[in-house]
Amino acid sequence: MATNRTFTMIKPDAVKNGHIGAILAQINEAGFRIVAMKYTWLSAEKAGEFYAVHKGRPFYDELVTFMSSGPIVAAILEKENAVADFRTLIGATNPDEAAEGTIRAKYATSIGENAVHGSDSDENAAIEGSFHFAGTEIFS
């Protein structure tokens, strides 16, 4: 059953490059409502836990190092068809393949430093949102 929430992180590269405001504006302009948000810095341990599904893959260690290299903005977004619509808004993982106007086409610098994370399923959106936010931090 589809839900109307998804999870995102503005990654350390986009934070470092000063794109938080522009990315949040694009999210709002696309009709998403932010129901939870925090500015935080993941430890290597927490980044490893978050990306545990990728453990053992060749890019895992580099991903954990990158995601713990600076602050992030974590958020839960709400909109009808949230997961699919957000995946469309952010564009392909490789910014060279991302559609014009998407967040990654505008702000990503490489496949590894691709500006934002977006949940790939309703189930993962719920898991990822719960990883970063307590129920009392989520507002309807």
Protein backbone atom coordinates (compact mmCIF):
# COMPACT_ATOMS: atom_id res chain seq x y z
CA MET A 1 0.00 0.00 0.00
CA ALA A 2 1.43 3.36 -1.04
CA THR A 3 1.97 5.99 1.59
CA ASN A 4 2.19 9.72 1.21
CA ARG A 5 5.56 10.15 2.90
CA THR A 6 9.15 9.79 1.83
CA PHE A 7 12.53 10.44 3.39
CA THR A 8 15.38 12.56 2.09
CA MET A 9 18.79 13.78 3.13
CA ILE A 10 20.61 16.74 1.68
CA LYS A 11 24.07 15.22 1.59
CA PRO A 12 27.37 16.74 2.84
CA ASP A 13 28.43 17.92 -0.64
CA ALA A 14 25.28 19.98 -1.19
CA VAL A 15 25.41 21.35 2.37
CA LYS A 16 29.08 22.32 1.94
CA ASN A 17 28.33 23.97 -1.41
CA GLY A 18 25.54 26.11 0.07
CA HIS A 19 22.57 24.48 -1.67
CA ILE A 20 20.29 23.76 1.32
CA GLY A 21 17.94 26.68 0.68
CA ALA A 22 17.68 26.13 -3.07
CA ILE A 23 17.02 22.40 -2.66
CA LEU A 24 14.38 22.99 0.03
CA ALA A 25 12.74 25.61 -2.19
CA GLN A 26 12.60 23.16 -5.10
CA ILE A 27 11.08 20.53 -2.81
CA ASN A 28 8.42 22.99 -1.65
CA GLU A 29 7.73 24.21 -5.19
CA ALA A 30 7.11 20.58 -6.22
CA GLY A 31 4.27 20.38 -3.70
CA PHE A 32 5.98 18.49 -0.90
CA ARG A 33 5.29 19.45 2.70
CA ILE A 34 8.09 19.02 5.23
CA VAL A 35 6.73 17.17 8.29
CA ALA A 36 10.11 16.63 10.01
CA MET A 37 13.53 18.16 9.47
CA LYS A 38 16.88 18.37 11.24
CA TYR A 39 20.39 19.59 10.56
CA THR A 40 22.79 17.00 11.92
CA TRP A 41 26.14 15.28 11.40
CA LEU A 42 26.20 11.49 11.07
CA SER A 43 29.02 9.65 12.78
CA ALA A 44 30.73 6.94 10.72
CA GLU A 45 28.93 4.39 12.90
CA LYS A 46 25.49 5.92 12.23
CA ALA A 47 26.20 6.32 8.50
CA GLY A 48 27.25 2.66 8.43
CA GLU A 49 24.01 1.64 10.15
CA PHE A 50 21.91 3.72 7.77
CA TYR A 51 23.57 2.22 4.68
CA ALA A 52 23.95 -1.31 6.14
CA VAL A 53 21.96 -2.68 3.18
CA HIS A 54 25.01 -1.87 1.03
CA LYS A 55 27.60 -3.46 3.35
CA GLY A 56 29.96 -5.68 1.37
CA ARG A 57 29.44 -3.75 -1.87
CA PRO A 58 32.51 -2.07 -3.39
CA PHE A 59 31.28 1.48 -2.69
CA TYR A 60 30.16 0.95 0.92
CA ASP A 61 33.26 2.22 2.75
CA GLU A 62 33.52 5.28 0.49
CA LEU A 63 29.81 6.00 0.99
CA VAL A 64 30.09 5.80 4.79
CA THR A 65 33.17 8.03 4.77
CA PHE A 66 31.42 10.59 2.55
CA MET A 67 28.16 10.61 4.51
CA SER A 68 30.04 11.19 7.78
CA SER A 69 32.30 13.89 6.30
CA GLY A 70 30.04 16.84 7.11
CA PRO A 71 26.57 17.89 8.19
CA ILE A 72 23.40 16.77 6.44
CA VAL A 73 19.78 17.88 6.45
CA ALA A 74 17.40 14.97 7.07
CA ALA A 75 13.70 15.39 6.31
CA ILE A 76 10.43 13.54 6.00
CA LEU A 77 8.30 14.85 3.15
CA GLU A 78 4.59 14.46 2.56
CA LYS A 79 2.70 14.50 -0.72
CA GLU A 80 0.42 12.15 -2.60
CA ASN A 81 2.61 9.54 -4.36
CA ALA A 82 5.56 10.88 -2.37
CA VAL A 83 8.22 8.24 -3.08
CA ALA A 84 7.78 8.13 -6.85
CA ASP A 85 7.31 11.88 -7.22
CA PHE A 86 10.40 12.60 -5.15
CA ARG A 87 12.51 10.13 -7.13
CA THR A 88 11.44 11.99 -10.27
CA LEU A 89 12.28 15.36 -8.68
CA ILE A 90 15.79 14.33 -7.65
CA GLY A 91 16.73 12.65 -10.94
CA ALA A 92 19.11 9.82 -11.77
CA THR A 93 21.93 8.91 -9.36
CA ASN A 94 24.45 9.89 -12.03
CA PRO A 95 24.01 13.65 -12.50
CA ASP A 96 25.16 13.33 -16.13
CA GLU A 97 22.06 11.18 -16.73
CA ALA A 98 19.66 13.22 -14.57
CA ALA A 99 16.89 15.06 -16.39
CA GLU A 100 17.31 18.79 -16.79
CA GLY A 101 15.90 20.73 -13.87
CA THR A 102 16.14 17.87 -11.38
CA ILE A 103 17.94 18.40 -8.08
CA ARG A 104 20.84 16.15 -9.04
CA ALA A 105 21.22 17.74 -12.48
CA LYS A 106 21.50 21.13 -10.77
CA TYR A 107 23.52 20.36 -7.64
CA ALA A 108 25.28 16.98 -7.81
CA THR A 109 28.93 16.81 -8.81
CA SER A 110 29.32 13.04 -9.33
CA ILE A 111 27.64 9.67 -8.81
CA GLY A 112 29.16 9.49 -5.34
CA GLU A 113 28.49 13.11 -4.39
CA ASN A 114 24.97 13.36 -5.75
CA ALA A 115 23.50 16.05 -3.46
CA VAL A 116 20.47 14.19 -2.08
CA HIS A 117 19.19 10.84 -0.93
CA GLY A 118 15.65 9.78 -1.69
CA SER A 119 13.90 6.65 -0.43
CA ASP A 120 13.33 4.01 -3.11
CA SER A 121 10.14 2.48 -1.65
CA ASP A 122 7.36 3.20 0.82
CA GLU A 123 8.80 0.56 3.16
CA ASN A 124 12.29 2.10 3.09
CA ALA A 125 10.83 5.60 3.51
CA ALA A 126 9.26 4.50 6.79
CA ILE A 127 12.43 2.72 7.96
CA GLU A 128 14.69 5.62 7.02
CA GLY A 129 12.41 8.24 8.55
CA SER A 130 12.26 6.27 11.80
CA PHE A 131 16.06 5.96 11.81
CA HIS A 132 16.41 9.75 11.97
CA PHE A 133 13.28 10.92 13.77
CA ALA A 134 11.35 10.01 16.93
CA GLY A 135 7.58 10.10 16.64
CA THR A 136 7.50 13.34 18.64
CA GLU A 137 9.66 15.02 15.96
CA ILE A 138 7.22 14.32 13.12
CA PHE A 139 4.38 16.76 12.62
CA SER A 140 1.29 16.31 10.48
